[in-house]
Amino acid sequence: MPAEKRVVELVVSGGQATAGPPIGPAIGPLGVNVVAVVNKINELTKEYSGMKVPVKVIIDPETKTFEVEVGIPTTSALIIKEAGISKGSGKPNSERVGNLSMAQVIKIAKIKRSKLLAKTLKAAVKEIIGSCVSMGVTIDGKDPKMVLREIEEGRYDDMIRRSEEEKQ
């Protein structure tokens, strides 16, 4: 009977994983080539540079082979990257720390859609804007709560529909 595969779940900085902690100590004892695993993680996460990315390393302890599955960064990490800010606001109701265009919000919604509860892209966009509310990030220079009302009124329907028709 083959040995059971081991799954090691990690959170790494996109494209910047190293053989040190947390990766080395977690997978070194399983007998796989740590440098090969780190190189694969970095190759698969380079597009998420500067973001924390969930990663699963699936190891077969018998053959010493491995696979790497990359998760999707958190919504807040994607908002931080798109807005070019270092972190969300400590006082989101009074202190604004960044701004996204509606196109950027839609882009984040498309990236996150498979992990959201939203059934439509429009609903996914509203979830992303909800995160903007709590982070102190405006949309096209407007209060995100106002943008949510505009979405309800159908003002962005054409833009969202066009974006949905485009390939990811």
N, C-alpha and C. Protein backbone atom coordinates (compact mmCIF):
# COMPACT_ATOMS: atom_id res chain seq x y z
N MET A 1 0.84 -1.19 0.00
CA MET A 1 0.00 0.00 0.00
C MET A 1 0.89 1.25 0.00
N PRO A 2 0.64 2.18 -0.96
CA PRO A 2 1.51 3.37 -1.02
C PRO A 2 1.32 4.26 0.20
N ALA A 3 2.39 4.97 0.52
CA ALA A 3 2.34 5.89 1.66
C ALA A 3 1.36 7.03 1.34
N GLU A 4 0.74 7.53 2.39
CA GLU A 4 -0.20 8.63 2.21
C GLU A 4 0.55 9.92 1.89
N LYS A 5 0.00 10.69 0.97
CA LYS A 5 0.64 11.97 0.63
C LYS A 5 0.48 12.93 1.80
N ARG A 6 1.50 13.74 2.01
CA ARG A 6 1.48 14.73 3.08
C ARG A 6 1.17 16.09 2.45
N VAL A 7 0.32 16.85 3.10
CA VAL A 7 -0.02 18.18 2.61
C VAL A 7 0.49 19.20 3.63
N VAL A 8 1.31 20.12 3.15
CA VAL A 8 1.82 21.18 4.01
C VAL A 8 1.23 22.49 3.50
N GLU A 9 0.49 23.18 4.36
CA GLU A 9 -0.11 24.45 3.97
C GLU A 9 0.73 25.60 4.54
N LEU A 10 1.05 26.55 3.67
CA LEU A 10 1.92 27.67 4.05
C LEU A 10 1.34 28.98 3.52
N VAL A 11 1.79 30.07 4.08
CA VAL A 11 1.49 31.39 3.51
C VAL A 11 2.85 32.02 3.23
N VAL A 12 3.08 32.36 1.96
CA VAL A 12 4.38 32.90 1.56
C VAL A 12 4.21 34.27 0.90
N SER A 13 5.29 35.02 0.83
CA SER A 13 5.29 36.27 0.07
C SER A 13 5.48 35.90 -1.40
N GLY A 14 4.57 36.37 -2.24
CA GLY A 14 4.60 36.01 -3.65
C GLY A 14 5.96 36.22 -4.30
N GLY A 15 6.49 35.15 -4.90
CA GLY A 15 7.74 35.22 -5.62
C GLY A 15 8.97 35.39 -4.75
N GLN A 16 8.81 35.35 -3.40
CA GLN A 16 9.95 35.61 -2.52
C GLN A 16 10.14 34.53 -1.47
N ALA A 17 9.67 33.31 -1.74
CA ALA A 17 9.84 32.22 -0.78
C ALA A 17 11.32 31.86 -0.67
N THR A 18 11.74 31.42 0.51
CA THR A 18 13.12 30.99 0.71
C THR A 18 13.10 29.63 1.40
N ALA A 19 14.26 28.99 1.45
CA ALA A 19 14.36 27.68 2.08
C ALA A 19 14.34 27.77 3.61
N GLY A 20 14.36 28.99 4.14
CA GLY A 20 14.26 29.17 5.60
C GLY A 20 12.82 28.97 6.05
N PRO A 21 12.55 29.31 7.31
CA PRO A 21 11.18 29.18 7.83
C PRO A 21 10.22 30.05 7.00
N PRO A 22 8.99 29.66 6.79
CA PRO A 22 8.35 28.46 7.32
C PRO A 22 8.54 27.22 6.45
N ILE A 23 9.08 27.39 5.23
CA ILE A 23 9.10 26.28 4.27
C ILE A 23 10.09 25.18 4.64
N GLY A 24 11.36 25.55 4.83
CA GLY A 24 12.40 24.54 5.11
C GLY A 24 12.05 23.61 6.25
N PRO A 25 11.77 24.15 7.44
CA PRO A 25 11.46 23.28 8.58
C PRO A 25 10.18 22.44 8.37
N ALA A 26 9.25 22.95 7.57
CA ALA A 26 7.99 22.23 7.36
C ALA A 26 8.14 21.06 6.41
N ILE A 27 8.96 21.24 5.35
CA ILE A 27 9.04 20.15 4.36
C ILE A 27 10.38 19.42 4.34
N GLY A 28 11.42 20.02 4.92
CA GLY A 28 12.73 19.37 4.95
C GLY A 28 12.69 17.95 5.50
N PRO A 29 12.04 17.74 6.65
CA PRO A 29 12.00 16.39 7.24
C PRO A 29 11.29 15.35 6.36
N LEU A 30 10.55 15.80 5.36
CA LEU A 30 9.82 14.85 4.51
C LEU A 30 10.69 14.32 3.36
N GLY A 31 11.92 14.83 3.28
CA GLY A 31 12.89 14.26 2.33
C GLY A 31 12.83 14.78 0.91
N VAL A 32 12.07 15.84 0.66
CA VAL A 32 12.05 16.38 -0.70
C VAL A 32 13.12 17.46 -0.83
N ASN A 33 13.44 17.79 -2.07
CA ASN A 33 14.43 18.82 -2.34
C ASN A 33 13.80 20.18 -2.05
N VAL A 34 14.18 20.79 -0.93
CA VAL A 34 13.58 22.05 -0.48
C VAL A 34 13.80 23.15 -1.51
N VAL A 35 14.99 23.22 -2.10
CA VAL A 35 15.28 24.27 -3.09
C VAL A 35 14.37 24.13 -4.30
N ALA A 36 14.12 22.88 -4.74
CA ALA A 36 13.22 22.66 -5.89
C ALA A 36 11.81 23.12 -5.55
N VAL A 37 11.37 22.85 -4.32
CA VAL A 37 10.02 23.27 -3.89
C VAL A 37 9.95 24.80 -3.86
N VAL A 38 10.96 25.44 -3.27
CA VAL A 38 10.99 26.91 -3.18
C VAL A 38 10.98 27.52 -4.58
N ASN A 39 11.78 26.96 -5.49
CA ASN A 39 11.83 27.50 -6.86
C ASN A 39 10.46 27.38 -7.54
N LYS A 40 9.78 26.25 -7.33
CA LYS A 40 8.46 26.04 -7.92
C LYS A 40 7.45 27.03 -7.33
N ILE A 41 7.48 27.21 -6.01
CA ILE A 41 6.57 28.17 -5.35
C ILE A 41 6.81 29.57 -5.92
N ASN A 42 8.07 29.97 -6.04
CA ASN A 42 8.37 31.32 -6.54
C ASN A 42 7.93 31.50 -7.99
N GLU A 43 8.10 30.45 -8.79
CA GLU A 43 7.68 30.51 -10.19
C GLU A 43 6.16 30.69 -10.27
N LEU A 44 5.42 29.96 -9.44
CA LEU A 44 3.96 30.00 -9.49
C LEU A 44 3.35 31.23 -8.80
N THR A 45 4.12 31.89 -7.92
CA THR A 45 3.56 33.03 -7.18
C THR A 45 4.14 34.38 -7.61
N LYS A 46 5.00 34.41 -8.64
CA LYS A 46 5.68 35.67 -8.99
C LYS A 46 4.68 36.77 -9.37
N GLU A 47 3.52 36.43 -9.93
CA GLU A 47 2.55 37.46 -10.30
C GLU A 47 1.92 38.11 -9.06
N TYR A 48 2.08 37.48 -7.89
CA TYR A 48 1.54 38.02 -6.65
C TYR A 48 2.66 38.66 -5.81
N SER A 49 3.67 39.16 -6.48
CA SER A 49 4.81 39.76 -5.79
C SER A 49 4.38 40.77 -4.74
N GLY A 50 4.95 40.63 -3.54
CA GLY A 50 4.65 41.55 -2.46
C GLY A 50 3.38 41.24 -1.69
N MET A 51 2.68 40.17 -2.08
CA MET A 51 1.44 39.80 -1.38
C MET A 51 1.63 38.48 -0.66
N LYS A 52 0.88 38.31 0.40
CA LYS A 52 0.86 37.02 1.10
C LYS A 52 -0.04 36.08 0.31
N VAL A 53 0.48 34.90 -0.01
CA VAL A 53 -0.26 33.96 -0.84
C VAL A 53 -0.34 32.61 -0.13
N PRO A 54 -1.54 32.02 -0.03
CA PRO A 54 -1.64 30.68 0.54
C PRO A 54 -1.14 29.65 -0.48
N VAL A 55 -0.33 28.70 -0.01
CA VAL A 55 0.25 27.68 -0.88
C VAL A 55 0.11 26.32 -0.20
N LYS A 56 -0.22 25.30 -1.00
CA LYS A 56 -0.24 23.93 -0.50
C LYS A 56 0.85 23.16 -1.21
N VAL A 57 1.69 22.46 -0.44
CA VAL A 57 2.69 21.59 -1.03
C VAL A 57 2.24 20.16 -0.72
N ILE A 58 2.00 19.37 -1.77
CA ILE A 58 1.56 17.99 -1.60
C ILE A 58 2.75 17.10 -1.90
N ILE A 59 3.15 16.33 -0.90
CA ILE A 59 4.39 15.55 -1.00
C ILE A 59 4.08 14.06 -0.91
N ASP A 60 4.72 13.29 -1.81
CA ASP A 60 4.64 11.83 -1.72
C ASP A 60 5.94 11.40 -1.03
N PRO A 61 5.86 10.97 0.26
CA PRO A 61 7.08 10.66 1.00
C PRO A 61 7.85 9.46 0.44
N GLU A 62 7.15 8.60 -0.31
CA GLU A 62 7.83 7.43 -0.87
C GLU A 62 8.68 7.80 -2.07
N THR A 63 8.11 8.53 -3.01
CA THR A 63 8.84 8.86 -4.24
C THR A 63 9.59 10.19 -4.12
N LYS A 64 9.33 10.93 -3.03
CA LYS A 64 9.94 12.26 -2.80
C LYS A 64 9.53 13.26 -3.88
N THR A 65 8.39 13.02 -4.51
CA THR A 65 7.89 13.98 -5.49
C THR A 65 6.92 14.93 -4.80
N PHE A 66 6.66 16.06 -5.45
CA PHE A 66 5.78 17.05 -4.84
C PHE A 66 5.00 17.80 -5.91
N GLU A 67 3.88 18.36 -5.50
CA GLU A 67 3.13 19.30 -6.34
C GLU A 67 2.89 20.55 -5.49
N VAL A 68 2.75 21.67 -6.17
CA VAL A 68 2.47 22.92 -5.47
C VAL A 68 1.16 23.48 -6.00
N GLU A 69 0.23 23.77 -5.09
CA GLU A 69 -1.02 24.42 -5.46
C GLU A 69 -1.03 25.81 -4.84
N VAL A 70 -1.28 26.80 -5.67
CA VAL A 70 -1.28 28.18 -5.20
C VAL A 70 -2.73 28.63 -5.01
N GLY A 71 -3.00 29.19 -3.84
CA GLY A 71 -4.32 29.74 -3.59
C GLY A 71 -4.40 31.18 -4.08
N ILE A 72 -5.46 31.84 -3.74
CA ILE A 72 -5.66 33.23 -4.15
C ILE A 72 -5.41 34.12 -2.93
N PRO A 73 -4.64 35.21 -3.11
CA PRO A 73 -4.41 36.10 -1.98
C PRO A 73 -5.74 36.63 -1.42
N THR A 74 -5.68 37.14 -0.22
CA THR A 74 -6.89 37.69 0.40
C THR A 74 -7.37 38.91 -0.39
N THR A 75 -8.64 39.21 -0.24
CA THR A 75 -9.21 40.39 -0.90
C THR A 75 -8.45 41.64 -0.48
N SER A 76 -8.16 41.76 0.82
CA SER A 76 -7.46 42.97 1.27
C SER A 76 -6.07 43.06 0.65
N ALA A 77 -5.38 41.93 0.47
CA ALA A 77 -4.05 41.96 -0.16
C ALA A 77 -4.16 42.43 -1.61
N LEU A 78 -5.19 41.99 -2.32
CA LEU A 78 -5.37 42.41 -3.71
C LEU A 78 -5.72 43.90 -3.79
N ILE A 79 -6.55 44.37 -2.86
CA ILE A 79 -6.91 45.80 -2.83
C ILE A 79 -5.66 46.64 -2.55
N ILE A 80 -4.86 46.21 -1.57
CA ILE A 80 -3.63 46.93 -1.22
C ILE A 80 -2.70 47.03 -2.44
N LYS A 81 -2.56 45.92 -3.16
CA LYS A 81 -1.67 45.92 -4.33
C LYS A 81 -2.22 46.85 -5.42
N GLU A 82 -3.50 46.70 -5.75
CA GLU A 82 -4.09 47.52 -6.82
C GLU A 82 -4.08 49.00 -6.47
N ALA A 83 -4.33 49.33 -5.20
CA ALA A 83 -4.38 50.74 -4.79
C ALA A 83 -2.99 51.32 -4.55
N GLY A 84 -1.98 50.43 -4.49
CA GLY A 84 -0.61 50.91 -4.26
C GLY A 84 -0.42 51.50 -2.87
N ILE A 85 -1.10 50.92 -1.88
CA ILE A 85 -0.98 51.41 -0.51
C ILE A 85 -0.26 50.36 0.34
N SER A 86 0.19 50.75 1.54
CA SER A 86 0.90 49.79 2.38
C SER A 86 -0.05 49.00 3.28
N LYS A 87 -1.17 49.62 3.65
CA LYS A 87 -2.16 48.92 4.47
C LYS A 87 -3.47 49.68 4.47
N GLY A 88 -4.51 49.01 4.97
CA GLY A 88 -5.81 49.67 5.07
C GLY A 88 -5.79 50.73 6.16
N SER A 89 -6.86 51.52 6.20
CA SER A 89 -6.97 52.61 7.17
C SER A 89 -7.33 52.08 8.55
N GLY A 90 -6.75 52.69 9.57
CA GLY A 90 -7.13 52.37 10.95
C GLY A 90 -8.46 53.01 11.31
N LYS A 91 -8.81 54.07 10.56
CA LYS A 91 -10.09 54.78 10.79
C LYS A 91 -10.80 54.93 9.44
N PRO A 92 -11.35 53.82 8.91
CA PRO A 92 -11.89 53.86 7.55
C PRO A 92 -13.05 54.83 7.35
N ASN A 93 -13.77 55.20 8.41
CA ASN A 93 -14.88 56.13 8.24
C ASN A 93 -14.43 57.56 8.03
N SER A 94 -13.24 57.90 8.54
CA SER A 94 -12.80 59.29 8.42
C SER A 94 -11.48 59.43 7.66
N GLU A 95 -10.69 58.38 7.61
CA GLU A 95 -9.37 58.48 6.97
C GLU A 95 -9.32 57.58 5.73
N ARG A 96 -9.16 58.21 4.57
CA ARG A 96 -9.06 57.48 3.31
C ARG A 96 -7.59 57.26 2.99
N VAL A 97 -7.23 56.04 2.62
CA VAL A 97 -5.81 55.75 2.38
C VAL A 97 -5.50 55.44 0.93
N GLY A 98 -6.53 55.23 0.12
CA GLY A 98 -6.26 54.90 -1.28
C GLY A 98 -7.52 54.98 -2.11
N ASN A 99 -7.34 54.75 -3.42
CA ASN A 99 -8.45 54.82 -4.35
C ASN A 99 -8.26 53.76 -5.43
N LEU A 100 -9.36 53.14 -5.82
CA LEU A 100 -9.35 52.19 -6.93
C LEU A 100 -10.30 52.70 -8.00
N SER A 101 -10.01 52.35 -9.24
CA SER A 101 -10.99 52.63 -10.30
C SER A 101 -11.99 51.47 -10.29
N MET A 102 -13.15 51.68 -10.88
CA MET A 102 -14.12 50.60 -10.97
C MET A 102 -13.53 49.43 -11.76
N ALA A 103 -12.70 49.72 -12.77
CA ALA A 103 -12.05 48.65 -13.55
C ALA A 103 -11.17 47.78 -12.64
N GLN A 104 -10.46 48.42 -11.70
CA GLN A 104 -9.62 47.66 -10.76
C GLN A 104 -10.47 46.80 -9.83
N VAL A 105 -11.60 47.35 -9.39
CA VAL A 105 -12.51 46.59 -8.53
C VAL A 105 -13.01 45.36 -9.27
N ILE A 106 -13.40 45.54 -10.53
CA ILE A 106 -13.90 44.42 -11.33
C ILE A 106 -12.79 43.38 -11.52
N LYS A 107 -11.56 43.85 -11.76
CA LYS A 107 -10.43 42.93 -11.92
C LYS A 107 -10.24 42.07 -10.66
N ILE A 108 -10.29 42.69 -9.49
CA ILE A 108 -10.15 41.95 -8.22
C ILE A 108 -11.31 40.97 -8.07
N ALA A 109 -12.52 41.43 -8.40
CA ALA A 109 -13.70 40.56 -8.28
C ALA A 109 -13.56 39.32 -9.17
N LYS A 110 -12.98 39.50 -10.37
CA LYS A 110 -12.80 38.36 -11.27
C LYS A 110 -11.75 37.39 -10.72
N ILE A 111 -10.70 37.92 -10.11
CA ILE A 111 -9.66 37.07 -9.52
C ILE A 111 -10.24 36.27 -8.36
N LYS A 112 -11.02 36.93 -7.51
CA LYS A 112 -11.54 36.32 -6.28
C LYS A 112 -12.83 35.52 -6.48
N ARG A 113 -13.48 35.67 -7.61
CA ARG A 113 -14.84 35.15 -7.79
C ARG A 113 -15.01 33.70 -7.38
N SER A 114 -14.06 32.85 -7.71
CA SER A 114 -14.22 31.42 -7.39
C SER A 114 -14.24 31.16 -5.88
N LYS A 115 -13.71 32.10 -5.11
CA LYS A 115 -13.64 31.92 -3.66
C LYS A 115 -14.73 32.70 -2.91
N LEU A 116 -15.52 33.48 -3.64
CA LEU A 116 -16.56 34.28 -3.01
C LEU A 116 -17.89 33.54 -3.02
N LEU A 117 -18.80 33.99 -2.20
CA LEU A 117 -20.14 33.41 -2.16
C LEU A 117 -21.00 33.95 -3.30
N ALA A 118 -20.55 35.02 -3.92
CA ALA A 118 -21.33 35.71 -4.95
C ALA A 118 -21.66 34.79 -6.12
N LYS A 119 -22.90 34.89 -6.58
CA LYS A 119 -23.33 34.07 -7.72
C LYS A 119 -23.10 34.78 -9.05
N THR A 120 -22.96 36.11 -9.02
CA THR A 120 -22.75 36.88 -10.25
C THR A 120 -21.53 37.78 -10.07
N LEU A 121 -20.99 38.26 -11.19
CA LEU A 121 -19.86 39.18 -11.12
C LEU A 121 -20.30 40.48 -10.42
N LYS A 122 -21.53 40.92 -10.66
CA LYS A 122 -22.02 42.13 -10.01
C LYS A 122 -22.00 41.96 -8.49
N ALA A 123 -22.45 40.80 -8.00
CA ALA A 123 -22.44 40.53 -6.56
C ALA A 123 -21.01 40.46 -6.03
N ALA A 124 -20.10 39.89 -6.84
CA ALA A 124 -18.69 39.81 -6.44
C ALA A 124 -18.09 41.21 -6.33
N VAL A 125 -18.43 42.09 -7.27
CA VAL A 125 -17.96 43.48 -7.24
C VAL A 125 -18.43 44.15 -5.94
N LYS A 126 -19.68 43.90 -5.56
CA LYS A 126 -20.21 44.49 -4.34
C LYS A 126 -19.46 43.96 -3.10
N GLU A 127 -19.08 42.68 -3.12
CA GLU A 127 -18.30 42.15 -2.00
C GLU A 127 -16.94 42.85 -1.89
N ILE A 128 -16.28 43.06 -3.04
CA ILE A 128 -14.97 43.73 -3.03
C ILE A 128 -15.14 45.16 -2.51
N ILE A 129 -16.17 45.85 -2.95
CA ILE A 129 -16.40 47.23 -2.49
C ILE A 129 -16.68 47.24 -0.99
N GLY A 130 -17.36 46.20 -0.49
CA GLY A 130 -17.57 46.09 0.96
C GLY A 130 -16.25 46.05 1.70
N SER A 131 -15.26 45.36 1.15
CA SER A 131 -13.93 45.35 1.76
C SER A 131 -13.29 46.73 1.68
N CYS A 132 -13.53 47.44 0.58
CA CYS A 132 -13.00 48.80 0.44
C CYS A 132 -13.56 49.72 1.53
N VAL A 133 -14.85 49.53 1.87
CA VAL A 133 -15.47 50.33 2.92
C VAL A 133 -14.67 50.18 4.21
N SER A 134 -14.37 48.93 4.58
CA SER A 134 -13.70 48.69 5.86
C SER A 134 -12.20 49.00 5.82
N MET A 135 -11.66 49.23 4.63
CA MET A 135 -10.23 49.55 4.51
C MET A 135 -9.96 51.04 4.29
N GLY A 136 -11.01 51.84 4.09
CA GLY A 136 -10.80 53.26 3.83
C GLY A 136 -10.31 53.54 2.43
N VAL A 137 -10.79 52.75 1.45
CA VAL A 137 -10.39 52.91 0.06
C VAL A 137 -11.59 53.39 -0.75
N THR A 138 -11.41 54.49 -1.49
CA THR A 138 -12.49 55.03 -2.31
C THR A 138 -12.50 54.36 -3.68
N ILE A 139 -13.60 54.53 -4.41
CA ILE A 139 -13.73 54.00 -5.76
C ILE A 139 -13.95 55.19 -6.68
N ASP A 140 -13.07 55.36 -7.65
CA ASP A 140 -13.15 56.52 -8.56
C ASP A 140 -13.30 57.83 -7.77
N GLY A 141 -12.64 57.89 -6.61
CA GLY A 141 -12.66 59.09 -5.79
C GLY A 141 -13.93 59.27 -4.95
N LYS A 142 -14.84 58.29 -5.02
CA LYS A 142 -16.11 58.40 -4.29
C LYS A 142 -16.14 57.45 -3.10
N ASP A 143 -16.94 57.80 -2.11
CA ASP A 143 -17.17 56.93 -0.96
C ASP A 143 -17.71 55.58 -1.47
N PRO A 144 -17.10 54.47 -1.02
CA PRO A 144 -17.54 53.16 -1.53
C PRO A 144 -19.02 52.86 -1.25
N LYS A 145 -19.57 53.41 -0.17
CA LYS A 145 -21.00 53.18 0.12
C LYS A 145 -21.87 53.85 -0.95
N MET A 146 -21.42 55.00 -1.45
CA MET A 146 -22.15 55.67 -2.52
C MET A 146 -22.07 54.84 -3.81
N VAL A 147 -20.90 54.26 -4.06
CA VAL A 147 -20.72 53.43 -5.26
C VAL A 147 -21.62 52.19 -5.17
N LEU A 148 -21.76 51.63 -3.97
CA LEU A 148 -22.66 50.48 -3.81
C LEU A 148 -24.10 50.87 -4.18
N ARG A 149 -24.52 52.06 -3.78
CA ARG A 149 -25.86 52.55 -4.15
C ARG A 149 -25.98 52.70 -5.66
N GLU A 150 -24.91 53.24 -6.28
CA GLU A 150 -24.92 53.40 -7.75
C GLU A 150 -25.00 52.05 -8.46
N ILE A 151 -24.35 51.04 -7.90
CA ILE A 151 -24.43 49.70 -8.48
C ILE A 151 -25.86 49.18 -8.39
N GLU A 152 -26.49 49.38 -7.23
CA GLU A 152 -27.89 48.99 -7.05
C GLU A 152 -28.80 49.68 -8.07
N GLU A 153 -28.46 50.92 -8.40
CA GLU A 153 -29.26 51.68 -9.37
C GLU A 153 -28.97 51.25 -10.81
N GLY A 154 -27.96 50.38 -10.99
CA GLY A 154 -27.65 49.87 -12.32
C GLY A 154 -26.67 50.70 -13.12
N ARG A 155 -26.01 51.69 -12.47
CA ARG A 155 -25.11 52.58 -13.21
C ARG A 155 -23.91 51.88 -13.82
N TYR A 156 -23.49 50.77 -13.22
CA TYR A 156 -22.27 50.09 -13.72
C TYR A 156 -22.60 48.79 -14.45
N ASP A 157 -23.89 48.54 -14.69
CA ASP A 157 -24.29 47.26 -15.30
C ASP A 157 -23.58 46.99 -16.63
N ASP A 158 -23.51 48.01 -17.51
CA ASP A 158 -22.88 47.80 -18.82
C ASP A 158 -21.40 47.47 -18.66
N MET A 159 -20.72 48.20 -17.79
CA MET A 159 -19.29 47.98 -17.57
C MET A 159 -19.04 46.57 -17.02
N ILE A 160 -19.86 46.15 -16.07
CA ILE A 160 -19.70 44.82 -15.48
C ILE A 160 -20.01 43.75 -16.53
N ARG A 161 -21.06 43.95 -17.30
CA ARG A 161 -21.45 42.97 -18.33
C ARG A 161 -20.34 42.84 -19.37
N ARG A 162 -19.79 43.98 -19.84
CA ARG A 162 -18.69 43.93 -20.82
C ARG A 162 -17.49 43.19 -20.25
N SER A 163 -17.19 43.47 -18.98
CA SER A 163 -16.04 42.82 -18.34
C SER A 163 -16.27 41.31 -18.21
N GLU A 164 -17.52 40.93 -17.94
CA GLU A 164 -17.83 39.51 -17.80
C GLU A 164 -17.66 38.78 -19.13
N GLU A 165 -17.90 39.48 -20.21
CA GLU A 165 -17.78 38.86 -21.54
C GLU A 165 -16.32 38.71 -21.96
N GLU A 166 -15.43 39.53 -21.38
CA GLU A 166 -14.00 39.43 -21.70
C GLU A 166 -13.43 38.20 -21.02
N LYS A 167 -12.38 37.66 -21.61
CA LYS A 167 -11.67 36.54 -20.97
C LYS A 167 -10.89 37.09 -19.79
N GLN A 168 -10.75 36.27 -18.76
CA GLN A 168 -9.99 36.67 -17.55
C GLN A 168 -8.58 37.03 -17.91
